Amino acid sequence: MFQETKLILQFDHKNSIPMLSFMYYDTKPCERYIRDCMLRLYAASPEDAEKERLATSVAEHHIKRFMEENYERFQNWKNLDESLTRRHPTLKGKQCLCEMIEQELWPQQPCLLNQRAA
């Protein structure tokens, strides 16, 4: 569902009043970053259409899996870690999805591209 709507549902209790809020999160910049990391890791170029499609599919898969397995982390945005790279703008300067995901995918090689992604 998240992949289609790009909405994160947040449920909170403030002063015993239940509150439901929605946050739009465009995952495309993070998907492109992970795709580019995959291409670089396997020494492929974006001009290779087949490898680019595969890398895009892998990036989408990792974002979807991460959101499904860690959805509760996003329930309270203020508790997320601060971004060290400010790679992609987020609410209150928190880590973007690809910052969180790359820690799992490449724990020994953070910031594979070592640059800000578009």
Protein backbone atom coordinates (compact mmCIF):
# COMPACT_ATOMS: atom_id res chain seq x y z
CA MET A 1 0.00 0.00 0.00
CA PHE A 2 2.76 2.49 0.88
CA GLN A 3 4.40 2.09 -2.55
CA GLU A 4 1.24 3.32 -4.27
CA THR A 5 0.09 6.06 -1.89
CA LYS A 6 3.44 7.25 -0.47
CA LEU A 7 1.56 7.95 2.77
CA ILE A 8 2.77 7.02 6.24
CA LEU A 9 -0.02 6.72 8.78
CA GLN A 10 0.82 7.87 12.28
CA PHE A 11 -1.33 7.16 15.28
CA ASP A 12 -0.74 8.94 18.56
CA HIS A 13 -2.42 9.55 21.92
CA LYS A 14 -2.04 13.11 23.12
CA ASN A 15 -3.79 13.94 26.35
CA SER A 16 -5.86 10.76 25.96
CA ILE A 17 -7.17 11.96 22.61
CA PRO A 18 -6.40 9.57 19.78
CA MET A 19 -4.96 11.27 16.74
CA LEU A 20 -4.39 9.91 13.26
CA SER A 21 -2.12 11.81 10.90
CA PHE A 22 -0.81 11.23 7.42
CA MET A 23 2.62 12.08 6.10
CA TYR A 24 3.50 12.03 2.41
CA TYR A 25 6.92 10.51 1.72
CA ASP A 26 8.26 10.48 -1.85
CA THR A 27 10.60 7.50 -2.02
CA LYS A 28 11.87 8.19 -5.56
CA PRO A 29 15.07 10.04 -4.49
CA CYS A 30 15.96 7.18 -2.13
CA GLU A 31 15.12 4.57 -4.77
CA ARG A 32 17.42 6.34 -7.25
CA TYR A 33 20.21 6.50 -4.66
CA ILE A 34 19.99 2.77 -3.85
CA ARG A 35 19.75 1.97 -7.57
CA ASP A 36 22.90 4.01 -8.24
CA CYS A 37 24.71 2.29 -5.35
CA MET A 38 23.78 -1.10 -6.79
CA LEU A 39 25.00 -0.10 -10.23
CA ARG A 40 28.25 1.21 -8.82
CA LEU A 41 28.76 -1.81 -6.58
CA TYR A 42 28.49 -4.14 -9.55
CA ALA A 43 30.40 -1.83 -11.90
CA ALA A 44 27.39 -1.35 -14.19
CA SER A 45 26.44 1.84 -15.91
CA PRO A 46 22.97 3.39 -16.07
CA GLU A 47 23.25 3.13 -19.87
CA ASP A 48 22.92 -0.66 -19.56
CA ALA A 49 19.11 -0.78 -19.64
CA GLU A 50 18.80 -4.35 -18.37
CA LYS A 51 21.05 -3.77 -15.36
CA GLU A 52 19.40 -0.43 -14.69
CA ARG A 53 15.95 -2.08 -14.64
CA LEU A 54 17.24 -4.81 -12.32
CA ALA A 55 18.88 -2.26 -9.99
CA THR A 56 15.66 -0.20 -9.94
CA SER A 57 13.63 -3.31 -9.10
CA VAL A 58 16.07 -4.24 -6.31
CA ALA A 59 15.91 -0.69 -4.89
CA GLU A 60 12.09 -0.72 -4.91
CA HIS A 61 12.14 -4.13 -3.23
CA HIS A 62 14.47 -2.94 -0.45
CA ILE A 63 12.37 0.17 0.21
CA LYS A 64 9.16 -1.87 0.36
CA ARG A 65 10.71 -4.53 2.60
CA PHE A 66 12.22 -1.93 4.91
CA MET A 67 8.91 -0.07 5.25
CA GLU A 68 7.03 -3.29 5.96
CA GLU A 69 9.54 -4.52 8.55
CA ASN A 70 10.14 -1.16 10.24
CA TYR A 71 6.81 0.61 9.91
CA GLU A 72 6.55 1.07 13.67
CA ARG A 73 9.75 3.16 13.61
CA PHE A 74 7.90 5.75 11.56
CA GLN A 75 5.01 5.94 13.98
CA ASN A 76 6.92 8.50 15.99
CA TRP A 77 8.97 10.59 13.57
CA LYS A 78 10.67 12.63 16.30
CA ASN A 79 12.39 9.47 17.62
CA LEU A 80 14.15 8.73 14.32
CA ASP A 81 17.89 9.39 14.10
CA GLU A 82 19.15 12.70 12.79
CA SER A 83 20.57 12.68 9.28
CA LEU A 84 24.35 12.82 9.06
CA THR A 85 24.44 13.43 5.31
CA ARG A 86 21.31 15.52 4.70
CA ARG A 87 21.15 13.57 1.44
CA HIS A 88 17.43 14.09 0.96
CA PRO A 89 15.34 16.69 2.78
CA THR A 90 13.12 15.22 5.50
CA LEU A 91 10.91 16.59 8.22
CA LYS A 92 13.05 17.89 11.09
CA GLY A 93 16.30 16.73 9.46
CA LYS A 94 15.75 13.03 10.17
CA GLN A 95 17.43 10.26 8.18
CA CYS A 96 15.85 9.50 4.85
CA LEU A 97 14.95 5.93 3.94
CA CYS A 98 18.12 5.26 1.96
CA GLU A 99 20.29 6.39 4.89
CA MET A 100 18.53 3.86 7.11
CA ILE A 101 18.53 1.12 4.49
CA GLU A 102 22.19 1.47 3.51
CA GLN A 103 23.16 0.81 7.14
CA GLU A 104 21.56 -2.62 6.73
CA LEU A 105 22.70 -3.32 3.17
CA TRP A 106 26.27 -2.11 3.45
CA PRO A 107 27.23 -1.77 7.14
CA GLN A 108 30.93 -1.66 6.25
CA GLN A 109 30.50 0.86 3.43
CA PRO A 110 28.14 3.65 4.42
CA CYS A 111 27.49 6.27 1.78
CA LEU A 112 28.64 4.18 -1.17
CA LEU A 113 28.28 7.07 -3.55
CA ASN A 114 29.88 9.43 -1.04
CA GLN A 115 27.84 12.28 -2.43
CA ARG A 116 24.44 13.87 -2.23
CA ALA A 117 21.93 12.15 -4.47
CA ALA A 118 19.46 14.06 -6.59
